[in-house]
Amino acid sequence: MSHTVIDSHIELDRSWVTVMCRATRFHITISHKDIRDSRFGTEYSEMVAKAMDDDEEYHDLLCEWIIDPCLSYFRESTLNIPKEITFKDFYDPPTHHLKLLVSGSGSSLYPKATQDRGTMNAFHLMIPSRELPPFSEVPRSKASDLRIISDTKWDDYMSEIPQKAITSDGTSRFFKPADDKKQLLREVDMHLRIREVGLRDTIKVANLHSIVVSDDAKMTIGLLFDLIPSTGDSLYTHKNSALASEYHARWKQQVTATVEQLHSHNLVWGDVHPGNIVIDTSFNAWVVDFGGWSIVEFIPRKKAGTKDGDWQGVRKIFDEWILEDNDSDHRVE
């Protein structure tokens, strides 16, 4: 059953996982004291020790170990969820608080509903609006006015953080969640500066449409951008492909022209890597994401956030990476 872990905390005494499943939030807690006299106590202790050694794989395995006994509960609790949901439905969903206990036979774990709400961060994936500048130049979109694009065959869209939104006038737009304040601030600032220097609509950069907020505007949920007419493919999809050979010169020229325009106004892209070059349906290359992250495969740490770093990234992509067979991805802040 499709589900997404949106938050978690692991320690020996008590761990918890917050999960989205079919537009419903489940907060699952497990306490060592409740399971220590069963075989699950040993399993849990061993997995926690590995997960706390900064082993991401074991962290994920432990989260799924906690979630697995709850899947039937998820299914029974989400039978009547409507297919059409809004961003408000996703970001302010009905919530079930569960704790894992050992069955009477000792052979399994099972979830029990609880009133204990102490550990859940209800506003995870949001930023309090009071912590951000007013950005009065940027319109606001209310969460209840935005629909999540539905899928008649799969329920994944109700469990995963949305990537697209449909506005009240029926227009589809790209959604970037507010999962990092520093990134959001840089993103908005860059788009305001792009507008101020007259580059909006003159370079292949998707325009910032609005800031998405909760209906009371107290929480900032993310950003909406004009949707690039594409199949969702970034340059990663086209590595070492026939299209890459055919359009290599065009894509390099287009990205180079965009970076030159930005630099001429003292603006730095910063996050140069293939995932931030989107190929549209006419096989043109667009630059996206000004959040300020970088990948060391494309930009050395010491050059991150500089014009020289941008150029090193562009050269790495188009003179080396795009024709290679293998790639790696090492992201740093």
Protein backbone atom coordinates (compact mmCIF):
# COMPACT_ATOMS: atom_id res chain seq x y z
CA MET A 1 0.00 0.00 0.00
CA SER A 2 1.49 3.30 -1.10
CA HIS A 3 2.74 5.46 1.75
CA THR A 4 5.42 8.07 2.40
CA VAL A 5 7.46 8.69 5.54
CA ILE A 6 7.38 12.44 6.09
CA ASP A 7 9.06 12.62 9.50
CA SER A 8 10.75 10.30 11.97
CA HIS A 9 12.79 10.14 15.15
CA ILE A 10 14.84 7.13 16.21
CA GLU A 11 16.24 6.36 19.66
CA LEU A 12 16.30 3.24 21.83
CA ASP A 13 13.76 4.24 24.48
CA ARG A 14 11.17 5.49 22.03
CA SER A 15 10.93 5.99 18.28
CA TRP A 16 8.24 7.41 16.07
CA VAL A 17 7.37 7.66 12.40
CA THR A 18 4.88 9.98 10.71
CA VAL A 19 3.41 8.58 7.51
CA MET A 20 1.13 9.90 4.79
CA CYS A 21 -1.17 7.35 3.19
CA ARG A 22 -4.11 8.26 0.99
CA ALA A 23 -4.37 11.85 2.26
CA THR A 24 -4.37 10.63 5.85
CA ARG A 25 -1.59 11.07 8.41
CA PHE A 26 -0.54 8.27 10.73
CA HIS A 27 1.78 8.95 13.65
CA ILE A 28 3.20 5.65 14.95
CA THR A 29 5.12 5.38 18.22
CA ILE A 30 7.04 2.40 19.56
CA SER A 31 8.47 2.23 23.10
CA HIS A 32 11.17 -0.25 24.04
CA LYS A 33 9.50 -0.88 27.40
CA ASP A 34 6.38 -2.18 25.61
CA ILE A 35 8.24 -4.81 23.58
CA ARG A 36 11.46 -5.60 25.50
CA ASP A 37 10.17 -8.92 26.89
CA SER A 38 9.43 -10.25 23.40
CA ARG A 39 11.59 -11.21 20.44
CA PHE A 40 10.70 -7.84 18.93
CA GLY A 41 12.64 -6.09 21.69
CA THR A 42 15.87 -7.64 20.48
CA GLU A 43 15.09 -6.94 16.82
CA TYR A 44 14.23 -3.36 17.61
CA SER A 45 17.38 -2.76 19.71
CA GLU A 46 19.66 -4.13 16.99
CA MET A 47 18.02 -2.08 14.25
CA VAL A 48 18.10 1.12 16.33
CA ALA A 49 21.83 0.65 17.01
CA LYS A 50 22.54 0.38 13.29
CA ALA A 51 20.21 3.24 12.37
CA MET A 52 21.80 5.55 14.94
CA ASP A 53 25.22 4.94 13.38
CA ASP A 54 24.05 7.29 10.60
CA ASP A 55 23.25 4.34 8.40
CA GLU A 56 20.48 5.66 6.16
CA GLU A 57 19.64 2.21 4.84
CA TYR A 58 18.99 0.84 8.33
CA HIS A 59 17.06 3.96 9.26
CA ASP A 60 14.73 3.33 6.33
CA LEU A 61 14.49 -0.38 7.17
CA LEU A 62 13.55 0.43 10.76
CA CYS A 63 10.87 2.88 9.62
CA GLU A 64 9.33 0.21 7.40
CA TRP A 65 9.61 -2.34 10.24
CA ILE A 66 7.53 0.03 12.37
CA ILE A 67 5.05 0.75 9.57
CA ASP A 68 4.49 -2.79 8.35
CA PRO A 69 2.19 -3.95 11.23
CA CYS A 70 0.03 -0.89 10.57
CA LEU A 71 -0.72 -1.40 6.88
CA SER A 72 -4.06 -3.13 7.43
CA TYR A 73 -5.03 -0.28 9.78
CA PHE A 74 -4.08 2.21 7.04
CA ARG A 75 -6.27 0.35 4.57
CA GLU A 76 -9.30 0.17 6.82
CA SER A 77 -8.99 3.83 7.81
CA THR A 78 -8.82 5.22 4.28
CA LEU A 79 -11.65 3.44 2.52
CA ASN A 80 -13.75 6.57 1.90
CA ILE A 81 -11.13 9.13 0.90
CA PRO A 82 -12.32 11.21 -2.09
CA LYS A 83 -10.22 11.03 -5.25
CA GLU A 84 -10.11 14.81 -5.63
CA ILE A 85 -8.06 16.42 -2.87
CA THR A 86 -6.65 19.88 -2.25
CA PHE A 87 -3.37 20.99 -0.78
CA LYS A 88 -5.27 21.74 2.42
CA ASP A 89 -6.44 18.13 2.53
CA PHE A 90 -2.83 16.95 2.23
CA TYR A 91 -1.16 19.43 4.56
CA ASP A 92 -3.90 19.50 7.19
CA PRO A 93 -5.16 15.90 7.03
CA PRO A 94 -7.12 13.70 9.42
CA THR A 95 -4.56 12.14 11.77
CA HIS A 96 -4.42 8.79 13.57
CA HIS A 97 -2.09 8.37 16.54
CA LEU A 98 -0.99 4.79 17.03
CA LYS A 99 1.37 2.88 19.31
CA LEU A 100 2.81 -0.54 18.59
CA LEU A 101 2.24 -3.32 21.11
CA VAL A 102 2.97 -7.05 21.22
CA SER A 103 0.04 -9.38 20.59
CA GLY A 104 -1.14 -11.71 23.34
CA SER A 105 0.53 -14.67 21.66
CA GLY A 106 3.78 -12.73 21.32
CA SER A 107 3.94 -13.59 17.64
CA SER A 108 3.27 -10.18 16.14
CA LEU A 109 3.09 -6.43 16.66
CA TYR A 110 -0.18 -4.57 16.26
CA PRO A 111 -1.20 -0.88 16.30
CA LYS A 112 -3.43 0.52 19.03
CA ALA A 113 -5.07 3.94 18.78
CA THR A 114 -3.84 6.35 21.43
CA GLN A 115 -4.52 9.88 22.59
CA ASP A 116 -0.79 10.59 23.00
CA ARG A 117 -0.01 13.42 20.58
CA GLY A 118 3.12 14.71 22.28
CA THR A 119 5.79 13.74 19.76
CA MET A 120 4.27 14.70 16.40
CA ASN A 121 5.24 17.90 14.63
CA ALA A 122 1.97 18.81 12.94
CA PHE A 123 3.67 21.54 10.93
CA HIS A 124 6.53 19.50 9.51
CA LEU A 125 7.14 20.44 5.85
CA MET A 126 5.90 23.99 6.53
CA ILE A 127 7.54 27.23 7.65
CA PRO A 128 5.83 29.71 9.97
CA SER A 129 5.09 32.74 7.78
CA ARG A 130 6.19 35.11 10.54
CA GLU A 131 9.74 33.77 10.13
CA LEU A 132 9.89 34.93 6.50
CA PRO A 133 10.08 38.40 4.93
CA PRO A 134 6.70 39.72 3.75
CA PHE A 135 7.61 39.34 0.03
CA SER A 136 4.74 41.69 -0.77
CA GLU A 137 5.58 41.56 -4.50
CA VAL A 138 4.66 37.87 -4.67
CA PRO A 139 0.99 36.77 -4.71
CA ARG A 140 -0.30 34.17 -2.24
CA SER A 141 -2.22 31.02 -3.13
CA LYS A 142 -4.37 29.43 -0.44
CA ALA A 143 -3.97 25.69 0.09
CA SER A 144 -7.72 25.06 -0.25
CA ASP A 145 -7.72 26.73 -3.69
CA LEU A 146 -5.16 24.30 -5.12
CA ARG A 147 -6.03 20.79 -6.26
CA ILE A 148 -3.54 17.95 -6.40
CA ILE A 149 -3.45 16.33 -9.83
CA SER A 150 -5.24 13.01 -9.42
CA ASP A 151 -4.60 9.63 -10.99
CA THR A 152 -7.49 7.28 -11.75
CA LYS A 153 -5.32 4.16 -11.45
CA TRP A 154 -2.93 4.86 -8.57
CA ASP A 155 -3.23 6.42 -5.12
CA ASP A 156 0.41 7.56 -4.92
CA TYR A 157 -0.61 11.19 -5.49
CA MET A 158 -2.47 11.10 -2.15
CA SER A 159 0.55 9.76 -0.26
CA GLU A 160 3.49 11.65 -1.74
CA ILE A 161 4.38 15.32 -1.41
CA PRO A 162 2.73 16.96 -4.46
CA GLN A 163 4.85 18.11 -7.37
CA LYS A 164 2.11 19.84 -9.33
CA ALA A 165 -1.00 21.85 -8.52
CA ILE A 166 -4.12 22.90 -10.38
CA THR A 167 -5.13 26.48 -9.58
CA SER A 168 -8.73 27.70 -9.35
CA ASP A 169 -8.66 28.76 -13.04
CA GLY A 170 -7.64 25.23 -14.10
CA THR A 171 -3.98 26.00 -14.81
CA SER A 172 -1.39 23.40 -13.88
CA ARG A 173 1.72 24.65 -12.11
CA PHE A 174 4.87 23.17 -10.61
CA PHE A 175 5.02 23.00 -6.80
CA LYS A 176 8.20 23.17 -4.72
CA PRO A 177 7.62 22.36 -1.03
CA ALA A 178 8.91 24.61 1.75
CA ASP A 179 11.08 21.95 3.34
CA ASP A 180 14.07 24.25 3.91
CA LYS A 181 13.82 27.93 4.91
CA LYS A 182 17.25 28.88 3.59
CA GLN A 183 16.46 27.41 0.18
CA LEU A 184 13.05 29.06 -0.01
CA LEU A 185 14.50 32.47 0.87
CA ARG A 186 17.17 32.22 -1.82
CA GLU A 187 14.70 30.93 -4.39
CA VAL A 188 12.25 33.78 -3.89
CA ASP A 189 15.02 36.38 -3.71
CA MET A 190 16.55 35.16 -6.98
CA HIS A 191 13.23 35.30 -8.80
CA LEU A 192 12.53 38.79 -7.51
CA ARG A 193 15.96 39.91 -8.71
CA ILE A 194 15.41 38.23 -12.09
CA ARG A 195 12.22 40.27 -12.39
CA GLU A 196 13.89 43.49 -11.23
CA VAL A 197 16.69 43.31 -13.82
CA GLY A 198 14.26 42.60 -16.65
CA LEU A 199 15.15 38.98 -17.34
CA ARG A 200 11.70 37.56 -16.61
CA ASP A 201 10.30 35.93 -19.78
CA THR A 202 13.58 36.57 -21.64
CA ILE A 203 15.53 33.57 -20.36
CA LYS A 204 14.52 29.93 -20.10
CA VAL A 205 13.70 29.98 -16.39
CA ALA A 206 10.23 29.04 -15.09
CA ASN A 207 8.63 32.11 -13.51
CA LEU A 208 7.64 32.21 -9.85
CA HIS A 209 3.83 32.38 -9.74
CA SER A 210 2.98 32.57 -6.02
CA ILE A 211 3.73 31.50 -2.48
CA VAL A 212 1.45 28.74 -1.18
CA VAL A 213 0.12 29.35 2.34
CA SER A 214 -2.33 27.75 4.73
CA ASP A 215 -5.82 29.22 4.60
CA ASP A 216 -5.10 31.38 7.65
CA ALA A 217 -1.74 32.37 6.07
CA LYS A 218 0.12 31.46 9.26
CA MET A 219 2.13 28.71 7.60
CA THR A 220 4.05 28.80 4.31
CA ILE A 221 3.74 25.51 2.44
CA GLY A 222 5.77 26.08 -0.71
CA LEU A 223 6.16 27.87 -4.02
CA LEU A 224 4.27 27.65 -7.31
CA PHE A 225 6.04 28.10 -10.65
CA ASP A 226 4.89 28.24 -14.24
CA LEU A 227 4.93 24.70 -15.57
CA ILE A 228 7.54 24.02 -18.22
CA PRO A 229 5.83 22.19 -21.12
CA SER A 230 7.66 18.91 -20.71
CA THR A 231 7.15 15.27 -19.85
CA GLY A 232 8.96 15.93 -16.58
CA ASP A 233 12.31 14.85 -18.01
CA SER A 234 15.49 16.40 -16.72
CA LEU A 235 18.86 15.98 -18.36
CA TYR A 236 19.40 12.86 -16.21
CA THR A 237 16.90 11.06 -18.45
CA HIS A 238 18.89 11.86 -21.57
CA LYS A 239 22.38 10.89 -20.45
CA ASN A 240 24.33 9.04 -23.15
CA SER A 241 21.20 8.89 -25.34
CA ALA A 242 20.56 9.44 -29.01
CA LEU A 243 18.74 12.67 -28.14
CA ALA A 244 21.74 13.86 -26.16
CA SER A 245 23.91 13.39 -29.23
CA GLU A 246 21.42 15.14 -31.49
CA TYR A 247 20.66 18.10 -29.22
CA HIS A 248 23.91 18.37 -27.25
CA ALA A 249 25.07 21.57 -28.96
CA ARG A 250 21.65 23.24 -28.63
CA TRP A 251 21.26 22.39 -24.95
CA LYS A 252 24.77 23.54 -24.13
CA GLN A 253 24.22 26.81 -26.01
CA GLN A 254 20.87 27.46 -24.31
CA VAL A 255 22.13 26.77 -20.79
CA THR A 256 25.27 28.80 -21.48
CA ALA A 257 23.16 31.73 -22.69
CA THR A 258 20.99 31.59 -19.57
CA VAL A 259 23.99 31.51 -17.23
CA GLU A 260 25.64 34.38 -19.14
CA GLN A 261 22.51 36.48 -18.74
CA LEU A 262 22.32 35.73 -15.01
CA HIS A 263 25.99 36.51 -14.47
CA SER A 264 25.73 39.77 -16.42
CA HIS A 265 23.40 40.95 -13.65
CA ASN A 266 25.56 39.47 -10.87
CA LEU A 267 23.16 36.57 -10.31
CA VAL A 268 24.50 33.08 -9.57
CA TRP A 269 22.54 29.92 -10.41
CA GLY A 270 24.37 27.92 -7.75
CA ASP A 271 22.78 24.48 -8.13
CA VAL A 272 24.19 23.36 -11.47
CA HIS A 273 23.53 19.70 -12.11
CA PRO A 274 21.60 17.65 -14.72
CA GLY A 275 18.49 17.31 -12.54
CA ASN A 276 18.06 21.09 -12.70
CA ILE A 277 18.09 21.25 -16.48
CA VAL A 278 14.60 20.43 -17.79
CA ILE A 279 14.04 19.50 -21.43
CA ASP A 280 10.73 20.74 -22.82
CA THR A 281 8.53 19.15 -25.48
CA SER A 282 10.35 21.13 -28.19
CA PHE A 283 13.71 19.85 -26.92
CA ASN A 284 14.80 23.16 -25.42
CA ALA A 285 16.78 23.30 -22.18
CA TRP A 286 15.44 25.23 -19.17
CA VAL A 287 17.26 26.11 -15.95
CA VAL A 288 15.44 25.47 -12.65
CA ASP A 289 16.10 25.59 -8.89
CA PHE A 290 17.87 28.54 -7.26
CA GLY A 291 17.72 27.08 -3.76
CA GLY A 292 21.48 27.09 -3.27
CA TRP A 293 22.36 23.39 -2.91
CA SER A 294 25.18 21.86 -4.91
CA ILE A 295 26.46 18.43 -5.90
CA VAL A 296 30.20 17.94 -5.56
CA GLU A 297 30.34 15.83 -8.70
CA PHE A 298 29.56 18.99 -10.66
CA ILE A 299 30.68 21.87 -8.42
CA PRO A 300 33.62 21.61 -5.98
CA ARG A 301 32.69 22.65 -2.43
CA LYS A 302 34.99 25.68 -2.52
CA LYS A 303 33.32 26.95 -5.70
CA ALA A 304 29.70 26.45 -4.59
CA GLY A 305 27.62 29.61 -4.92
CA THR A 306 30.08 31.39 -7.25
CA LYS A 307 30.09 32.29 -10.93
CA ASP A 308 33.15 30.13 -11.42
CA GLY A 309 31.26 27.26 -9.81
CA ASP A 310 28.41 27.73 -12.29
CA TRP A 311 30.82 27.49 -15.22
CA GLN A 312 32.60 24.47 -13.80
CA GLY A 313 29.21 22.78 -13.46
CA VAL A 314 28.15 23.62 -17.02
CA ARG A 315 31.45 22.35 -18.45
CA LYS A 316 31.28 19.17 -16.37
CA ILE A 317 27.75 18.43 -17.61
CA PHE A 318 28.18 19.12 -21.31
CA ASP A 319 31.86 18.34 -21.90
CA GLU A 320 32.11 15.20 -19.77
CA TRP A 321 29.07 13.87 -17.92
CA ILE A 322 26.40 13.71 -20.63
CA LEU A 323 28.36 11.21 -22.72
CA GLU A 324 29.52 9.02 -19.83
CA ASP A 325 27.97 5.65 -18.99
CA ASN A 326 27.72 5.99 -15.21
CA ASP A 327 26.89 8.79 -12.79
CA SER A 328 27.06 9.43 -9.08
CA ASP A 329 25.28 11.96 -6.95
CA HIS A 330 26.85 13.50 -3.85
CA ARG A 331 24.82 16.43 -2.52
CA VAL A 332 26.08 18.98 -0.02
CA GLU A 333 24.66 22.16 1.43
